[in-house]
Amino acid sequence: MPGDAQLAASDQAEQQAYDLILGDAGKVLTCRRRRTKLRTQYGKNTFGQSCLAARRLVEKGVPT
């Protein structure tokens, strides 16, 4: 449906999701690319690693 604002917003969100996963920003989520010392400082648990991933995404300039 051309001109449908909700459909356009949905398409844009889908494209951003693909860009996040497949683009450069997705690389920050790969654990192997993180330094072991930094992972340990954040804590090797779900919360700590999630905080580290959020930090990396912000540093990469991923919009919120």
Protein backbone atom coordinates (compact mmCIF):
# COMPACT_ATOMS: atom_id res chain seq x y z
CA MET A 1 0.00 0.00 0.00
CA PRO A 2 1.87 3.07 -1.18
CA GLY A 3 1.74 5.99 1.22
CA ASP A 4 0.85 3.93 4.32
CA ALA A 5 2.86 5.45 7.17
CA GLN A 6 2.70 2.35 9.37
CA LEU A 7 3.90 0.12 6.56
CA ALA A 8 6.76 2.50 5.77
CA ALA A 9 7.78 2.57 9.44
CA SER A 10 7.68 -1.23 9.58
CA ASP A 11 9.86 -1.49 6.46
CA GLN A 12 12.34 0.98 7.92
CA ALA A 13 12.52 -0.94 11.22
CA GLU A 14 13.09 -4.19 9.33
CA GLN A 15 15.90 -2.66 7.29
CA GLN A 16 17.56 -1.27 10.43
CA ALA A 17 17.37 -4.71 12.05
CA TYR A 18 19.06 -6.34 9.05
CA ASP A 19 21.71 -3.62 8.99
CA LEU A 20 22.37 -4.18 12.68
CA ILE A 21 22.74 -7.93 12.32
CA LEU A 22 24.57 -8.10 9.01
CA GLY A 23 26.45 -4.79 9.03
CA ASP A 24 29.44 -3.56 11.00
CA ALA A 25 27.37 -3.05 14.14
CA GLY A 26 26.63 -6.78 14.27
CA LYS A 27 30.34 -7.48 14.69
CA VAL A 28 30.32 -5.88 18.13
CA LEU A 29 28.00 -8.63 19.33
CA THR A 30 30.48 -11.38 18.52
CA CYS A 31 32.05 -12.52 21.79
CA ARG A 32 35.25 -13.72 20.13
CA ARG A 33 36.11 -10.17 19.12
CA ARG A 34 36.06 -8.91 22.71
CA ARG A 35 39.10 -8.87 24.88
CA THR A 36 39.02 -11.40 27.71
CA LYS A 37 40.11 -8.85 30.34
CA LEU A 38 37.30 -6.46 29.46
CA ARG A 39 34.73 -9.30 29.46
CA THR A 40 35.95 -10.28 32.93
CA GLN A 41 35.71 -6.69 34.18
CA TYR A 42 32.07 -6.52 33.11
CA GLY A 43 31.39 -9.94 34.61
CA LYS A 44 31.04 -13.19 32.75
CA ASN A 45 27.31 -13.37 33.29
CA THR A 46 24.30 -12.40 31.20
CA PHE A 47 23.91 -8.95 32.75
CA GLY A 48 27.58 -8.01 32.49
CA GLN A 49 27.91 -9.20 28.91
CA SER A 50 24.69 -7.40 27.96
CA CYS A 51 26.09 -4.18 29.39
CA LEU A 52 29.29 -4.69 27.41
CA ALA A 53 27.30 -5.31 24.22
CA ALA A 54 25.26 -2.14 24.86
CA ARG A 55 28.47 -0.17 25.37
CA ARG A 56 29.92 -1.49 22.12
CA LEU A 57 26.74 -0.61 20.19
CA VAL A 58 26.77 2.94 21.59
CA GLU A 59 30.45 3.31 20.73
CA LYS A 60 29.68 2.12 17.20
CA GLY A 61 27.01 4.81 16.89
CA VAL A 62 24.00 2.54 16.59
CA PRO A 63 20.89 4.71 17.03
CA THR A 64 18.60 4.03 19.96
